[in-house]
Protein backbone atom coordinates (compact mmCIF):
# COMPACT_ATOMS: atom_id res chain seq x y z
CA MET A 1 49.94 -188.75 -74.71
CA LEU A 2 52.77 -186.87 -76.35
CA ASP A 3 56.01 -188.83 -76.61
CA LYS A 4 59.46 -187.43 -75.93
CA GLU A 5 60.14 -186.25 -79.49
CA GLN A 6 56.95 -184.22 -79.59
CA ARG A 7 57.68 -182.64 -76.19
CA VAL A 8 61.16 -181.61 -77.34
CA LEU A 9 59.77 -180.10 -80.54
CA MET A 10 57.05 -178.24 -78.66
CA LYS A 11 59.57 -176.89 -76.13
CA ASP A 12 61.78 -175.46 -78.88
CA SER A 13 58.76 -174.08 -80.70
CA THR A 14 57.69 -172.29 -77.52
CA LYS A 15 61.12 -170.65 -77.23
CA LEU A 16 60.87 -169.40 -80.80
CA ASN A 17 57.39 -168.04 -80.16
CA GLU A 18 58.62 -166.17 -77.08
CA LYS A 19 61.37 -164.52 -79.14
CA ALA A 20 58.94 -163.63 -81.91
CA ASN A 21 56.49 -162.21 -79.38
CA SER A 22 58.91 -159.37 -78.64
CA LEU A 23 58.30 -157.94 -82.12
CA PRO A 24 55.08 -156.29 -83.30
CA GLU A 25 53.18 -158.42 -85.80
CA SER A 26 53.35 -155.58 -88.31
CA LYS A 27 57.15 -155.90 -88.40
CA LEU A 28 57.01 -159.64 -88.93
CA SER A 29 54.67 -159.13 -91.85
CA THR A 30 56.27 -156.06 -93.42
CA ALA A 31 59.67 -157.72 -93.68
CA VAL A 32 58.46 -160.49 -95.96
CA ARG A 33 55.43 -159.00 -97.67
CA GLY A 34 57.13 -157.11 -100.50
CA GLY A 35 59.62 -159.81 -101.44
CA MET A 36 57.33 -162.83 -101.26
CA GLU A 37 55.76 -162.54 -104.68
CA ARG A 38 59.04 -161.62 -106.35
CA GLY A 39 60.72 -164.62 -104.78
CA ARG A 40 58.07 -166.99 -106.06
CA LYS A 41 58.35 -165.56 -109.57
CA ARG A 42 62.11 -166.09 -109.60
CA GLU A 43 61.60 -169.81 -108.91
CA MET A 44 63.36 -169.51 -105.57
CA ARG A 45 66.70 -168.87 -107.32
CA ARG A 46 68.66 -168.05 -104.22
CA MET A 47 67.88 -167.55 -100.55
CA TYR A 48 70.06 -165.30 -98.42
CA SER A 49 70.14 -165.34 -94.63
CA TYR A 50 71.78 -162.74 -92.46
CA GLY A 51 72.35 -164.69 -89.24
CA LEU A 52 72.53 -163.30 -85.74
CA GLY A 53 69.93 -160.70 -84.93
CA ALA A 54 68.01 -161.44 -88.12
CA MET A 55 64.62 -160.83 -86.57
CA ALA A 56 65.66 -157.44 -85.22
CA ALA A 57 67.04 -156.48 -88.64
CA MET A 58 64.45 -158.28 -90.73
CA THR A 59 63.40 -155.26 -92.73
CA ALA A 60 67.00 -154.50 -93.70
CA ALA A 61 67.57 -158.13 -94.59
CA ALA A 62 64.49 -158.15 -96.80
CA LEU A 63 65.88 -155.13 -98.65
CA LEU A 64 69.17 -156.95 -99.13
CA MET A 65 67.42 -160.03 -100.49
CA LEU A 66 65.69 -157.88 -103.09
CA THR A 67 68.88 -156.18 -104.21
CA VAL A 68 70.69 -159.50 -104.60
CA ASN A 69 67.92 -161.01 -106.70
CA GLY A 70 66.95 -157.92 -108.69
CA SER A 71 66.62 -157.35 -112.41
CA PRO A 72 69.44 -158.46 -114.77
CA PHE A 73 72.23 -155.88 -114.76
CA THR A 74 73.44 -154.10 -117.88
CA GLY A 75 76.39 -151.86 -118.56
CA LYS A 76 79.95 -151.60 -117.32
CA GLN A 77 81.10 -153.18 -114.08
CA ASP A 78 84.38 -153.03 -112.15
CA ARG A 79 85.93 -156.48 -111.76
CA LEU A 80 89.19 -157.76 -110.35
CA VAL A 81 90.71 -161.23 -110.63
CA LEU A 82 92.98 -162.61 -107.92
CA THR A 83 95.22 -165.64 -108.38
CA SER A 84 97.45 -165.38 -105.31
CA SER A 85 97.08 -164.34 -101.69
CA ILE A 86 98.30 -161.05 -100.23
CA GLY A 87 99.46 -160.20 -96.75
CA SER A 88 97.70 -158.88 -93.65
CA VAL A 89 94.66 -161.13 -94.00
CA HIS A 90 92.50 -161.99 -91.02
CA ASN A 91 92.75 -165.72 -90.30
CA LEU A 92 90.22 -168.34 -89.24
CA GLU A 93 90.94 -167.69 -85.57
CA SER A 94 89.37 -164.25 -85.94
CA PHE A 95 86.07 -165.68 -87.22
CA PRO A 96 83.31 -165.38 -84.55
CA ALA A 97 82.47 -169.08 -84.17
CA GLU A 98 80.03 -168.35 -81.33
CA ARG A 99 77.77 -166.52 -83.79
CA ILE A 100 77.47 -169.39 -86.27
CA LYS A 101 73.93 -170.77 -86.26
CA ASP A 102 74.61 -173.73 -88.56
CA ALA A 103 75.54 -176.60 -86.23
CA SER A 104 77.57 -178.52 -88.80
CA LEU A 105 79.66 -175.48 -89.75
CA ARG A 106 80.24 -174.51 -86.13
CA SER A 107 81.33 -178.06 -85.33
CA ALA A 108 83.63 -178.16 -88.37
CA LEU A 109 85.32 -174.94 -87.28
CA GLU A 110 85.74 -176.16 -83.71
CA ARG A 111 87.22 -179.47 -84.91
CA GLY A 112 89.69 -177.79 -87.26
CA LEU A 113 88.11 -179.13 -90.47
CA ILE A 114 88.09 -175.78 -92.28
CA GLN A 115 90.81 -175.45 -94.93
CA PRO A 116 92.59 -172.07 -94.57
CA ILE A 117 92.61 -169.99 -97.75
CA ASN A 118 93.69 -166.48 -96.70
CA GLN A 119 93.29 -164.65 -100.00
CA ALA A 120 92.30 -161.00 -100.17
CA MET A 121 91.76 -158.15 -102.59
CA GLU A 122 90.60 -154.55 -102.39
CA GLU A 123 88.93 -152.18 -104.86
CA LYS A 124 87.29 -148.79 -104.26
CA GLY A 125 87.88 -149.26 -100.55
CA TYR A 126 85.96 -152.56 -100.54
CA ARG A 127 88.21 -155.28 -99.14
CA VAL A 128 87.23 -158.96 -99.28
CA GLU A 129 89.14 -161.67 -97.42
CA ILE A 130 88.43 -165.33 -98.17
CA LEU A 131 89.39 -167.00 -94.89
CA GLY A 132 88.62 -170.67 -95.36
CA ALA A 133 86.31 -173.33 -96.76
CA VAL A 134 85.11 -176.88 -96.18
CA SER A 135 83.25 -179.28 -98.47
CA ASP A 136 82.12 -182.91 -98.24
CA GLY A 137 80.80 -183.54 -101.75
CA ARG A 138 77.25 -182.70 -100.74
CA LYS A 139 77.65 -179.29 -99.13
CA SER A 140 80.23 -176.49 -99.24
CA PHE A 141 80.89 -173.63 -96.82
CA VAL A 142 83.06 -170.56 -97.44
CA LEU A 143 84.00 -168.17 -94.62
CA PHE A 144 84.88 -164.62 -95.61
CA ASN A 145 85.30 -161.14 -94.21
CA VAL A 146 84.34 -157.81 -95.81
CA LEU A 147 86.02 -154.60 -94.64
CA ASN A 148 84.68 -151.21 -95.63
CA HIS A 149 87.51 -148.72 -96.17
CA SER A 150 85.27 -146.41 -98.21
CA ASP A 151 83.22 -143.45 -96.99
CA LYS A 152 79.87 -145.09 -97.82
CA GLU A 153 77.83 -147.89 -96.32
CA ILE A 154 78.15 -151.08 -98.41
CA ILE A 155 76.49 -154.49 -98.82
CA VAL A 156 77.23 -157.86 -100.42
CA ARG A 157 75.10 -158.17 -103.57
CA ASP A 158 76.09 -161.61 -104.87
CA PHE A 159 78.34 -164.58 -104.11
CA THR A 160 78.92 -167.66 -106.26
CA LEU A 161 81.22 -170.68 -106.08
CA ASP A 162 82.18 -173.07 -108.86
CA TYR A 163 84.41 -176.12 -109.11
CA GLY A 164 86.13 -176.73 -112.44
CA GLY A 165 83.74 -174.43 -114.26
CA TYR A 166 80.60 -176.00 -112.77
CA GLU A 167 78.74 -173.42 -110.72
CA THR A 168 77.18 -174.75 -107.55
CA PRO A 169 73.37 -174.57 -107.38
CA SER A 170 71.85 -171.22 -106.47
CA VAL A 171 68.72 -172.86 -105.09
CA GLY A 172 69.31 -173.33 -101.38
CA ALA A 173 72.46 -171.19 -101.33
CA MET A 174 72.68 -168.89 -98.32
CA ILE A 175 74.84 -166.14 -96.88
CA ALA A 176 74.75 -165.88 -93.09
CA ASN A 177 75.97 -162.56 -91.71
CA MET A 178 77.65 -162.86 -88.33
CA SER A 179 77.13 -159.17 -87.53
CA GLY A 180 73.33 -159.15 -87.59
CA SER A 181 72.84 -156.54 -90.32
CA GLY A 182 73.43 -156.64 -94.05
CA GLN A 183 74.90 -153.13 -94.14
CA ILE A 184 78.57 -152.43 -93.37
CA PRO A 185 79.23 -148.83 -92.22
CA PRO A 186 82.45 -147.01 -93.17
CA GLY A 187 85.44 -148.18 -91.15
CA GLN A 188 83.80 -151.43 -90.04
CA ASN A 189 83.84 -155.05 -91.15
CA SER A 190 81.45 -157.99 -91.24
CA TYR A 191 82.06 -161.75 -91.24
CA TYR A 192 80.01 -164.05 -93.46
CA ALA A 193 79.45 -167.78 -93.96
CA TYR A 194 78.33 -168.83 -97.43
CA SER A 195 76.79 -172.28 -97.89
CA THR A 196 75.59 -174.13 -100.94
CA ASN A 197 74.48 -177.64 -101.84
CA LEU A 198 76.44 -179.68 -104.37
CA LEU A 199 75.11 -181.99 -107.07
CA PRO A 200 76.76 -185.43 -106.74
CA THR A 201 76.28 -185.95 -110.49
CA ASP A 202 78.33 -182.89 -111.54
CA PRO A 203 82.02 -183.58 -112.40
CA TYR A 204 83.48 -181.04 -109.99
CA THR A 205 87.28 -180.59 -109.82
CA ASN A 206 89.53 -178.85 -107.31
CA LYS A 207 90.06 -175.85 -109.62
CA ALA A 208 87.65 -173.59 -107.78
CA SER A 209 86.69 -169.96 -108.23
CA ILE A 210 84.69 -167.52 -106.13
CA HIS A 211 82.84 -164.50 -107.50
CA ILE A 212 81.60 -161.77 -105.16
CA THR A 213 79.79 -158.53 -105.97
CA LEU A 214 79.38 -155.50 -103.67
CA SER A 215 77.89 -152.01 -103.87
CA ASP A 216 77.07 -149.07 -101.66
CA THR A 217 73.56 -148.75 -100.22
CA SER A 218 72.53 -145.49 -101.88
CA ASP A 219 69.11 -145.45 -103.54
CA ARG A 220 70.85 -144.92 -106.86
CA ALA A 221 72.97 -148.06 -106.47
CA LEU A 222 70.16 -150.24 -105.12
CA ASN A 223 67.51 -149.20 -107.64
CA SER A 224 69.65 -149.04 -110.77
CA SER A 225 69.92 -151.92 -113.24
CA SER A 226 73.35 -150.70 -114.36
CA LYS A 227 76.53 -152.58 -113.49
CA LYS A 228 78.46 -149.35 -113.10
CA TYR A 229 77.40 -149.18 -109.45
CA LEU A 230 78.74 -152.68 -108.74
CA THR A 231 82.23 -153.87 -107.86
CA SER A 232 83.07 -157.52 -108.53
CA MET A 233 86.03 -159.63 -107.49
CA ASP A 234 87.10 -163.09 -108.66
CA PHE A 235 89.24 -165.44 -106.59
CA SER A 236 90.97 -168.54 -107.98
CA LEU A 237 91.99 -171.33 -105.61
CA GLU A 238 92.46 -175.05 -105.21
CA LEU A 239 89.63 -176.53 -103.17
CA GLU A 240 88.57 -180.16 -103.10
CA PRO A 241 84.79 -180.52 -103.57
CA ASN A 242 84.96 -183.59 -101.30
CA MET A 243 87.67 -183.24 -98.67
CA PHE A 244 86.51 -186.31 -96.73
CA GLU A 245 86.07 -188.95 -99.42
CA ASP A 246 88.22 -191.42 -97.47
CA ASN A 247 86.32 -190.76 -94.24
CA GLU A 248 82.70 -191.04 -95.37
CA ARG A 249 80.48 -194.03 -94.65
CA ALA A 250 77.69 -194.87 -97.08
CA TYR A 251 74.83 -197.34 -96.62
CA TYR A 252 72.07 -198.35 -99.01
CA PRO A 253 69.18 -199.71 -96.92
CA ASP A 254 66.61 -199.51 -99.75
CA ARG A 255 63.76 -199.62 -97.23
CA THR A 256 60.24 -198.26 -97.75
CA LEU A 257 58.25 -196.22 -95.26
CA LYS A 258 54.47 -195.95 -95.76
CA VAL A 259 52.86 -192.75 -94.51
CA ASP A 260 49.16 -192.15 -95.18
CA GLY A 261 49.44 -194.90 -97.79
CA GLN A 262 52.22 -193.06 -99.64
CA ARG A 263 55.47 -194.91 -100.25
CA ILE A 264 58.71 -193.18 -99.22
CA ASN A 265 61.86 -195.08 -100.22
CA VAL A 266 65.04 -194.59 -98.19
CA ARG A 267 67.82 -194.99 -100.78
CA GLN A 268 70.99 -193.97 -98.96
CA LEU A 269 72.45 -193.01 -95.60
CA LEU A 270 75.68 -191.03 -95.86
CA PHE A 271 77.82 -190.12 -92.85
CA THR A 272 80.58 -187.54 -93.39
CA PRO A 273 82.65 -185.49 -90.92
CA LEU A 274 80.44 -182.54 -91.88
CA ASN A 275 76.86 -183.88 -91.97
CA THR A 276 74.56 -186.88 -91.97
CA TYR A 277 72.50 -187.27 -95.16
CA VAL A 278 69.34 -189.29 -95.78
CA ASP A 279 68.38 -189.66 -99.45
CA LEU A 280 64.66 -190.25 -99.96
CA GLU A 281 62.62 -190.98 -103.06
CA TYR A 282 58.85 -190.65 -103.24
CA ASP A 283 57.24 -193.44 -105.25
CA GLN A 284 55.97 -192.05 -108.56
CA ALA A 285 52.86 -194.21 -108.19
CA ASN A 286 51.82 -192.34 -105.04
CA GLU A 287 48.35 -190.82 -105.14
CA LYS A 288 49.60 -187.66 -103.44
CA GLN A 289 52.41 -185.22 -104.10
CA ILE A 290 54.54 -185.01 -100.95
CA PHE A 291 55.99 -181.59 -100.17
CA LYS A 292 57.44 -182.21 -96.73
CA LEU A 293 57.87 -184.76 -93.96
CA LEU A 294 56.60 -183.66 -90.55
CA ASN A 295 59.30 -183.71 -87.87
CA PRO A 296 61.50 -186.47 -89.36
CA VAL A 297 63.83 -187.98 -86.75
CA LEU A 298 66.89 -190.19 -87.22
CA ILE A 299 67.40 -192.51 -84.24
CA GLY A 300 70.35 -194.65 -83.13
CA LYS A 301 70.21 -197.20 -80.29
CA SER A 302 72.59 -199.46 -78.39
CA GLY A 303 70.93 -201.18 -75.44
CA GLU A 304 69.50 -198.46 -73.20
CA HIS A 305 71.49 -195.73 -74.98
CA THR A 306 69.55 -193.68 -77.56
CA GLU A 307 70.66 -190.79 -79.76
CA LYS A 308 68.30 -188.73 -81.92
CA LEU A 309 68.79 -186.17 -84.66
CA TYR A 310 66.09 -183.53 -85.21
CA TYR A 311 65.41 -180.56 -87.50
CA PRO A 312 67.06 -181.54 -90.79
CA GLN A 313 67.48 -179.20 -93.70
CA SER A 314 65.52 -180.47 -96.69
CA ILE A 315 67.03 -180.35 -100.19
CA SER A 316 64.61 -181.13 -103.02
CA LYS A 317 66.15 -182.36 -106.27
CA ASP A 318 62.78 -182.66 -108.03
CA ASP A 319 59.21 -183.67 -107.18
CA THR A 320 60.25 -187.21 -106.23
CA LYS A 321 63.73 -186.93 -104.69
CA VAL A 322 64.73 -185.16 -101.49
CA THR A 323 67.73 -185.24 -99.17
CA LEU A 324 67.46 -184.60 -95.43
CA VAL A 325 70.60 -183.04 -93.96
CA TYR A 326 71.24 -183.65 -90.27
CA LYS A 327 74.28 -182.67 -88.20
CA ASN A 328 77.39 -184.85 -88.15
CA SER A 329 76.81 -188.03 -86.15
CA GLN A 330 77.98 -191.56 -85.37
CA LEU A 331 74.54 -193.16 -85.32
CA ASP A 332 75.68 -195.91 -87.66
CA GLN A 333 78.18 -197.05 -85.01
CA LEU A 334 75.30 -197.96 -82.67
CA ASP A 335 73.43 -201.28 -82.80
CA THR A 336 70.46 -200.00 -84.80
CA THR A 337 69.58 -196.93 -86.83
CA SER A 338 65.95 -196.11 -87.59
CA PHE A 339 63.96 -193.34 -89.22
CA LYS A 340 60.72 -191.84 -87.91
CA THR A 341 58.26 -189.21 -89.10
CA PHE A 342 55.06 -187.78 -87.62
CA GLY A 343 53.34 -187.39 -90.99
CA ILE A 344 53.57 -185.59 -94.30
CA ALA A 345 52.40 -182.41 -96.00
CA ALA A 346 50.83 -183.58 -99.24
CA VAL A 347 48.08 -182.96 -101.80
CA LYS A 348 46.37 -185.39 -104.16
CA LYS A 349 48.02 -185.05 -107.55
CA ASP A 350 44.71 -184.65 -109.37
CA GLU A 351 43.69 -181.82 -107.03
CA MET A 352 46.71 -179.54 -107.51
CA ASN A 353 44.75 -176.79 -109.22
CA ILE A 354 42.90 -173.64 -108.24
CA VAL A 355 39.91 -172.84 -110.44
CA VAL A 356 38.38 -169.36 -110.32
CA ASP A 357 35.71 -167.38 -112.12
CA LEU A 358 37.38 -164.01 -112.46
CA LYS A 359 34.21 -162.19 -113.50
CA LYS A 360 32.27 -163.46 -110.49
CA LYS A 361 35.30 -163.23 -108.16
CA GLN A 362 34.65 -166.79 -106.98
CA ILE A 363 36.80 -169.82 -106.21
CA ILE A 364 35.25 -172.83 -107.90
CA ASP A 365 37.77 -175.45 -106.84
CA ALA A 366 40.92 -175.67 -104.69
CA PRO A 367 42.97 -178.34 -102.87
CA ASP A 368 41.07 -177.58 -99.65
CA GLU A 369 38.30 -175.37 -98.26
CA ARG A 370 40.63 -173.00 -96.38
CA LEU A 371 41.44 -170.94 -99.46
CA ARG A 372 39.36 -167.82 -99.98
CA MET A 373 39.40 -164.78 -102.24
CA LEU A 374 39.52 -161.41 -100.50
CA PRO A 375 37.74 -158.31 -101.83
CA SER A 376 39.93 -156.18 -104.09
CA ASP A 377 41.06 -152.74 -102.98
CA GLN A 378 42.13 -149.59 -104.83
CA GLU A 379 45.66 -150.92 -105.29
CA ALA A 380 44.53 -154.04 -107.15
CA GLY A 381 44.58 -154.21 -110.93
CA ALA A 382 41.43 -155.04 -112.86
CA GLY A 383 42.43 -158.69 -113.23
CA GLU A 384 44.22 -159.05 -109.91
CA VAL A 385 42.97 -161.20 -107.02
CA TYR A 386 44.00 -161.68 -103.41
CA PHE A 387 44.13 -165.26 -102.11
CA GLN A 388 44.29 -165.99 -98.38
CA ARG A 389 44.58 -169.10 -96.21
CA ILE A 390 44.50 -169.02 -92.41
CA LEU A 391 46.38 -171.86 -90.72
CA GLU A 392 45.69 -172.52 -87.05
CA GLU A 393 47.60 -173.99 -84.10
CA ALA A 394 49.57 -177.17 -84.85
CA GLN A 395 48.55 -177.02 -88.49
CA ALA A 396 50.56 -173.82 -88.85
CA ALA A 397 53.65 -174.95 -86.93
CA GLU A 398 55.79 -176.13 -89.86
CA SER A 399 53.81 -174.52 -92.64
CA PHE A 400 55.14 -173.03 -95.86
CA GLY A 401 53.54 -170.53 -98.23
CA MET A 402 51.37 -171.42 -101.19
CA TRP A 403 53.27 -171.40 -104.50
CA LEU A 404 51.44 -171.12 -107.82
CA GLU A 405 52.38 -171.58 -111.47
CA ASP A 406 53.31 -168.49 -113.47
CA SER A 407 50.76 -169.39 -116.14
CA PHE A 408 47.06 -170.22 -116.16
CA THR A 409 44.60 -171.82 -118.59
CA ASP A 410 41.23 -170.48 -119.67
CA ALA A 411 38.10 -172.57 -120.26
CA SER A 412 38.98 -173.06 -123.94
CA GLY A 413 42.33 -174.62 -123.02
CA GLU A 414 44.49 -171.67 -124.04
CA LYS A 415 47.43 -170.89 -121.78
CA HIS A 416 48.32 -167.36 -120.62
CA ASN A 417 51.12 -165.91 -118.49
CA ARG A 418 50.41 -164.14 -115.22
CA LEU A 419 51.46 -160.50 -114.90
CA SER A 420 53.57 -158.89 -112.22
CA PRO A 421 51.40 -157.83 -109.26
CA GLU A 422 50.34 -154.20 -109.13
CA SER A 423 50.01 -154.48 -105.36
CA SER A 424 52.36 -156.19 -102.91
CA SER A 425 50.38 -155.28 -99.80
CA HIS A 426 48.56 -158.62 -99.83
CA SER A 427 51.52 -160.96 -100.30
CA GLY A 428 53.47 -162.74 -97.58
CA LEU A 429 53.05 -164.60 -94.31
CA LEU A 430 51.56 -162.82 -91.31
CA THR A 431 52.16 -164.56 -88.00
CA SER A 432 49.95 -163.95 -84.98
CA VAL A 433 51.72 -165.28 -81.89
CA LYS A 434 48.77 -164.39 -79.70
CA ASN A 435 46.24 -166.36 -81.74
CA ASP A 436 48.71 -169.05 -82.88
CA THR A 437 47.78 -168.58 -86.52
CA ILE A 438 49.52 -167.85 -89.80
CA GLU A 439 47.93 -165.96 -92.68
CA ASP A 440 49.25 -167.00 -96.07
CA ASN A 441 48.47 -164.17 -98.49
CA THR A 442 49.13 -164.43 -102.23
CA THR A 443 48.49 -161.87 -104.95
CA TYR A 444 47.83 -163.26 -108.44
CA ASN A 445 47.49 -160.92 -111.41
CA PHE A 446 45.66 -162.52 -114.33
CA GLY A 447 45.68 -159.19 -116.17
CA GLU A 448 42.76 -157.04 -117.27
CA ASP A 449 42.38 -158.97 -120.54
CA ALA A 450 41.63 -162.13 -118.55
CA LEU A 451 38.19 -160.71 -117.72
CA GLU A 452 37.28 -161.41 -121.35
CA TYR A 453 38.76 -164.92 -121.47
CA PRO A 454 36.40 -167.92 -121.35
CA GLN A 455 35.76 -168.64 -117.68
CA PRO A 456 36.71 -170.35 -115.42
CA LEU A 457 40.49 -169.94 -115.21
CA THR A 458 42.75 -172.70 -113.86
CA ILE A 459 46.07 -172.17 -112.04
CA GLY A 460 48.46 -175.04 -111.37
CA VAL A 461 49.66 -175.45 -107.78
CA LYS A 462 53.36 -176.01 -107.13
CA GLN A 463 53.23 -176.09 -103.34
CA TYR A 464 50.33 -176.22 -100.89
CA TRP A 465 50.33 -176.88 -97.16
CA ILE A 466 47.99 -179.67 -96.05
CA PRO A 467 49.48 -181.60 -93.08
CA ILE A 468 48.54 -185.24 -92.59
CA LYS A 469 49.40 -186.74 -89.21
CA ASP A 470 50.49 -190.37 -89.41
CA ARG A 471 53.39 -191.41 -87.20
CA GLN A 472 55.49 -194.13 -88.82
CA ALA A 473 58.99 -195.56 -88.29
CA ILE A 474 61.30 -198.01 -90.04
CA GLU A 475 64.60 -199.66 -89.14
CA LEU A 476 67.38 -198.83 -91.61
CA LEU A 477 70.55 -200.42 -90.18
CA LYS A 478 71.18 -203.25 -87.75
CA LYS A 479 74.44 -204.80 -86.61
């Protein structure tokens, strides 16, 4: 019988499916198909989210993601540097808190934890207002407003934050647009929330700077690699990377959870006014590479009273270390705090390869039997193949896309680099709400010369979805 946690998760999943069902499947696929392969090749440098109404504007958001992460720019670029605030700036009270999807940020704004900044600058009719920020040493948020006083539609192309010259990581950084669309028409404005993860090992200081880049949405501006179509602004400010150092509570339980025989060490529990963090470390002696925990839950109990935290954000530092980020809580003030998971997504370390015979168009070996090679079409290059995996029902619920190495090895042991795909029509995730399945499609271009390489060819796997159900729990704290 399903327990309470599973019923809650299934209920929320059903709500999401009902929302997704209102969109044609073609739209769900088209929005991600073109950018999927490019995103993998860029090593997941930066992910951008555009908040409220994202599903309805998914195609526009996908376009914006591509323009932010495009080719390196060259040429001249307008840039302004601001060191002091100017008048007539919107304040934090004007920020639409009801549209914030991130629970920790919304709570921080409601509790008055956001530090007001109120700096602004304008160039070419593009006005940027930095309204406020909050940071707890692990995560930073910046709230800002963009007003379009020009006669062209504009977008945000880039946003970075650094403390004392140390730029915060781009991996996992996000921009959430409170207006639902990435484009800002003339005469209108749009509020944004930028978030990024911090590295506890970096010597951040309170001498912070913010860099933001904008452009219009003309084809010329979006498709050009020249900086002359960009406008950049730099803000200097004092911002503590950890505003709550005196209010955080850290515990070091050093407990080990065994899931499917794999050892998961819980190194630290950190409670801040912004979030609750669980630092995990996968034992290097594990037989399998763990990519994800299935439905991890943090539980606090006092007598008959129970509190539970679901749906954490996962921050991977490397193949062995990960941090789960839950909303702000007081679970450590209860009698006991425990950690529970319903399983893992993992692959045996010695099976993280895909072996193919390119001449015969055959898969010789793969981490599982679900992977198949589709017939090539007219768009495919001579050495290009289409991989597909179909995930069904519960197996697809928390799935992620397959991620492959950018190089491969031929039968003689010589390494070669993959080429950019000639076709993007077979890349991305296609969700079928009706059939409760997800198609994971990946295009891999070995190149025409690879047909003459000694066969078979071996590709390393970086990420592969194989869920293993094994419900386990461990007590972390006890008064």
